[in-house]
Amino acid sequence: MNPGYAGRTELPENLKALFRSCAMIRPDMKLIQENMLMAEGFQTARALSVKFNTLYELSSALLSKQPHYDWGLRSVKSVLRVA
């Protein structure tokens, strides 16, 4: 289902025919980060989410494009969970 992700394989054509296609969009990372920080009790969640989002955007743009760098929602959520 998600062939670009590690450990996933492409679905066979006979199974693909059984599913409907749907459009996907990128999640609003800043809003998700703000809500996660608010849920943990941070008073300045909006300012922190802007800073964190800027850090992740700059890191993903400036660091080399290697497969072990993961700038997706899973890594954002795991970093915020530790915070």
N, C-alpha and C. Protein backbone atom coordinates (compact mmCIF):
# COMPACT_ATOMS: atom_id res chain seq x y z
N MET A 1 0.82 -1.20 0.00
CA MET A 1 0.00 0.00 0.00
C MET A 1 0.86 1.26 0.00
N ASN A 2 2.01 1.20 0.64
CA ASN A 2 2.90 2.35 0.72
C ASN A 2 4.29 1.90 0.27
N PRO A 3 4.52 1.77 -1.03
CA PRO A 3 5.76 1.16 -1.51
C PRO A 3 7.01 1.95 -1.21
N GLY A 4 6.91 3.26 -0.97
CA GLY A 4 8.09 4.06 -0.68
C GLY A 4 8.60 3.88 0.73
N TYR A 5 7.81 3.27 1.59
CA TYR A 5 8.18 3.12 2.99
C TYR A 5 8.88 1.78 3.18
N ALA A 6 9.83 1.73 4.09
CA ALA A 6 10.64 0.53 4.30
C ALA A 6 9.78 -0.67 4.69
N GLY A 7 10.05 -1.79 4.07
CA GLY A 7 9.35 -3.03 4.41
C GLY A 7 8.02 -3.22 3.72
N ARG A 8 7.62 -2.29 2.87
CA ARG A 8 6.32 -2.40 2.18
C ARG A 8 6.54 -2.86 0.76
N THR A 9 5.58 -3.59 0.22
CA THR A 9 5.65 -4.05 -1.16
C THR A 9 4.45 -3.55 -1.94
N GLU A 10 4.58 -3.55 -3.24
CA GLU A 10 3.50 -3.11 -4.12
C GLU A 10 2.39 -4.16 -4.15
N LEU A 11 1.13 -3.69 -4.20
CA LEU A 11 0.00 -4.61 -4.28
C LEU A 11 -0.10 -5.22 -5.68
N PRO A 12 -0.50 -6.47 -5.78
CA PRO A 12 -0.74 -7.07 -7.10
C PRO A 12 -1.91 -6.38 -7.81
N GLU A 13 -1.91 -6.45 -9.13
CA GLU A 13 -2.94 -5.76 -9.92
C GLU A 13 -4.35 -6.25 -9.61
N ASN A 14 -4.52 -7.56 -9.35
CA ASN A 14 -5.87 -8.07 -9.07
C ASN A 14 -6.42 -7.50 -7.76
N LEU A 15 -5.56 -7.20 -6.79
CA LEU A 15 -6.02 -6.57 -5.55
C LEU A 15 -6.24 -5.08 -5.73
N LYS A 16 -5.42 -4.44 -6.54
CA LYS A 16 -5.58 -3.00 -6.79
C LYS A 16 -6.94 -2.70 -7.40
N ALA A 17 -7.44 -3.62 -8.21
CA ALA A 17 -8.72 -3.41 -8.88
C ALA A 17 -9.88 -3.37 -7.89
N LEU A 18 -9.70 -3.94 -6.71
CA LEU A 18 -10.77 -3.98 -5.71
C LEU A 18 -10.87 -2.69 -4.89
N PHE A 19 -9.86 -1.84 -4.96
CA PHE A 19 -9.84 -0.61 -4.16
C PHE A 19 -10.16 0.60 -5.02
N ARG A 20 -10.83 1.57 -4.43
CA ARG A 20 -11.08 2.84 -5.11
C ARG A 20 -9.90 3.77 -4.87
N SER A 21 -9.58 4.60 -5.83
CA SER A 21 -8.50 5.56 -5.65
C SER A 21 -9.04 6.78 -4.90
N CYS A 22 -8.16 7.43 -4.18
CA CYS A 22 -8.55 8.65 -3.46
C CYS A 22 -7.37 9.61 -3.47
N ALA A 23 -7.66 10.87 -3.34
CA ALA A 23 -6.62 11.90 -3.34
C ALA A 23 -6.08 12.06 -1.94
N MET A 24 -4.77 12.25 -1.86
CA MET A 24 -4.12 12.46 -0.56
C MET A 24 -3.44 13.82 -0.57
N ILE A 25 -3.43 14.47 0.59
CA ILE A 25 -2.73 15.74 0.71
C ILE A 25 -1.75 15.64 1.88
N ARG A 26 -0.81 16.55 1.92
CA ARG A 26 0.14 16.59 3.02
C ARG A 26 -0.57 17.12 4.26
N PRO A 27 -0.31 16.54 5.42
CA PRO A 27 -0.94 17.04 6.64
C PRO A 27 -0.36 18.39 7.04
N ASP A 28 -1.15 19.18 7.73
CA ASP A 28 -0.69 20.47 8.24
C ASP A 28 0.15 20.21 9.49
N MET A 29 1.46 20.12 9.30
CA MET A 29 2.36 19.74 10.38
C MET A 29 2.32 20.73 11.54
N LYS A 30 2.23 22.02 11.20
CA LYS A 30 2.25 23.04 12.25
C LYS A 30 1.05 22.88 13.19
N LEU A 31 -0.11 22.61 12.62
CA LEU A 31 -1.33 22.44 13.42
C LEU A 31 -1.26 21.17 14.27
N ILE A 32 -0.74 20.09 13.69
CA ILE A 32 -0.59 18.84 14.44
C ILE A 32 0.39 19.02 15.59
N GLN A 33 1.51 19.70 15.31
CA GLN A 33 2.50 19.94 16.35
C GLN A 33 1.92 20.80 17.47
N GLU A 34 1.19 21.83 17.10
CA GLU A 34 0.59 22.70 18.10
C GLU A 34 -0.39 21.94 18.99
N ASN A 35 -1.22 21.10 18.38
CA ASN A 35 -2.19 20.32 19.16
C ASN A 35 -1.51 19.32 20.08
N MET A 36 -0.45 18.68 19.59
CA MET A 36 0.27 17.72 20.44
C MET A 36 0.92 18.43 21.63
N LEU A 37 1.51 19.60 21.39
CA LEU A 37 2.13 20.36 22.48
C LEU A 37 1.08 20.85 23.48
N MET A 38 -0.06 21.30 22.97
CA MET A 38 -1.14 21.75 23.87
C MET A 38 -1.66 20.59 24.72
N ALA A 39 -1.77 19.43 24.10
CA ALA A 39 -2.26 18.26 24.83
C ALA A 39 -1.31 17.86 25.95
N GLU A 40 -0.03 18.14 25.78
CA GLU A 40 0.96 17.82 26.82
C GLU A 40 1.07 18.92 27.86
N GLY A 41 0.37 20.05 27.67
CA GLY A 41 0.33 21.10 28.68
C GLY A 41 1.28 22.26 28.46
N PHE A 42 1.87 22.38 27.27
CA PHE A 42 2.75 23.52 27.00
C PHE A 42 1.91 24.79 26.87
N GLN A 43 2.32 25.84 27.56
CA GLN A 43 1.58 27.11 27.54
C GLN A 43 1.83 27.88 26.24
N THR A 44 3.02 27.76 25.68
CA THR A 44 3.36 28.50 24.46
C THR A 44 3.43 27.54 23.28
N ALA A 45 2.39 26.76 23.11
CA ALA A 45 2.38 25.72 22.08
C ALA A 45 2.46 26.30 20.68
N ARG A 46 1.79 27.41 20.42
CA ARG A 46 1.80 27.98 19.07
C ARG A 46 3.19 28.45 18.67
N ALA A 47 3.86 29.16 19.56
CA ALA A 47 5.21 29.65 19.25
C ALA A 47 6.18 28.48 19.10
N LEU A 48 6.06 27.49 19.96
CA LEU A 48 6.94 26.32 19.87
C LEU A 48 6.70 25.53 18.59
N SER A 49 5.44 25.42 18.17
CA SER A 49 5.16 24.67 16.94
C SER A 49 5.71 25.38 15.72
N VAL A 50 5.68 26.72 15.72
CA VAL A 50 6.25 27.47 14.60
C VAL A 50 7.76 27.24 14.55
N LYS A 51 8.42 27.30 15.71
CA LYS A 51 9.87 27.08 15.76
C LYS A 51 10.24 25.66 15.36
N PHE A 52 9.49 24.71 15.86
CA PHE A 52 9.77 23.30 15.56
C PHE A 52 9.55 23.01 14.08
N ASN A 53 8.48 23.57 13.52
CA ASN A 53 8.19 23.38 12.10
C ASN A 53 9.28 24.00 11.24
N THR A 54 9.76 25.18 11.62
CA THR A 54 10.84 25.83 10.90
C THR A 54 12.10 24.98 10.95
N LEU A 55 12.40 24.44 12.12
CA LEU A 55 13.57 23.56 12.28
C LEU A 55 13.47 22.35 11.35
N TYR A 56 12.31 21.69 11.32
CA TYR A 56 12.14 20.50 10.48
C TYR A 56 12.19 20.85 9.00
N GLU A 57 11.58 21.96 8.60
CA GLU A 57 11.60 22.35 7.19
C GLU A 57 13.02 22.68 6.73
N LEU A 58 13.76 23.43 7.55
CA LEU A 58 15.14 23.77 7.19
C LEU A 58 16.02 22.52 7.17
N SER A 59 15.84 21.64 8.13
CA SER A 59 16.64 20.42 8.17
C SER A 59 16.38 19.56 6.94
N SER A 60 15.12 19.41 6.58
CA SER A 60 14.81 18.57 5.41
C SER A 60 15.29 19.21 4.11
N ALA A 61 15.34 20.55 4.07
CA ALA A 61 15.79 21.22 2.85
C ALA A 61 17.31 21.26 2.74
N LEU A 62 18.00 21.43 3.87
CA LEU A 62 19.44 21.66 3.82
C LEU A 62 20.28 20.40 3.97
N LEU A 63 19.78 19.41 4.69
CA LEU A 63 20.56 18.18 4.86
C LEU A 63 20.49 17.35 3.58
N SER A 64 21.47 16.50 3.39
CA SER A 64 21.52 15.69 2.18
C SER A 64 20.33 14.73 2.12
N LYS A 65 19.95 14.39 0.92
CA LYS A 65 18.79 13.50 0.70
C LYS A 65 19.23 12.05 0.83
N GLN A 66 19.30 11.56 2.04
CA GLN A 66 19.69 10.17 2.28
C GLN A 66 18.49 9.41 2.84
N PRO A 67 18.40 8.12 2.56
CA PRO A 67 17.21 7.37 2.97
C PRO A 67 17.04 7.23 4.48
N HIS A 68 18.09 7.40 5.26
CA HIS A 68 17.94 7.23 6.70
C HIS A 68 17.41 8.49 7.38
N TYR A 69 17.33 9.62 6.65
CA TYR A 69 16.68 10.81 7.20
C TYR A 69 15.18 10.69 6.96
N ASP A 70 14.41 10.84 8.02
CA ASP A 70 12.96 10.75 7.92
C ASP A 70 12.36 12.03 8.47
N TRP A 71 11.73 12.82 7.61
CA TRP A 71 11.15 14.08 8.02
C TRP A 71 9.62 14.02 7.99
N GLY A 72 9.08 12.84 8.11
CA GLY A 72 7.64 12.66 8.03
C GLY A 72 6.93 12.87 9.36
N LEU A 73 5.64 12.64 9.32
CA LEU A 73 4.80 12.85 10.49
C LEU A 73 5.16 11.90 11.64
N ARG A 74 5.56 10.67 11.31
CA ARG A 74 5.94 9.72 12.36
C ARG A 74 7.11 10.23 13.18
N SER A 75 8.13 10.75 12.51
CA SER A 75 9.30 11.23 13.24
C SER A 75 8.97 12.48 14.03
N VAL A 76 8.14 13.36 13.47
CA VAL A 76 7.73 14.57 14.19
C VAL A 76 6.99 14.18 15.47
N LYS A 77 6.05 13.24 15.35
CA LYS A 77 5.29 12.83 16.52
C LYS A 77 6.15 12.16 17.57
N SER A 78 7.12 11.36 17.14
CA SER A 78 7.98 10.68 18.13
C SER A 78 8.89 11.68 18.85
N VAL A 79 9.37 12.70 18.15
CA VAL A 79 10.20 13.73 18.79
C VAL A 79 9.35 14.54 19.77
N LEU A 80 8.14 14.90 19.36
CA LEU A 80 7.28 15.69 20.25
C LEU A 80 6.83 14.88 21.47
N ARG A 81 6.65 13.59 21.30
CA ARG A 81 6.27 12.74 22.42
C ARG A 81 7.35 12.74 23.50
N VAL A 82 8.61 12.76 23.08
CA VAL A 82 9.72 12.78 24.02
C VAL A 82 9.82 14.13 24.72
N ALA A 83 9.45 15.22 24.00
CA ALA A 83 9.52 16.56 24.59
C ALA A 83 8.54 16.66 25.73
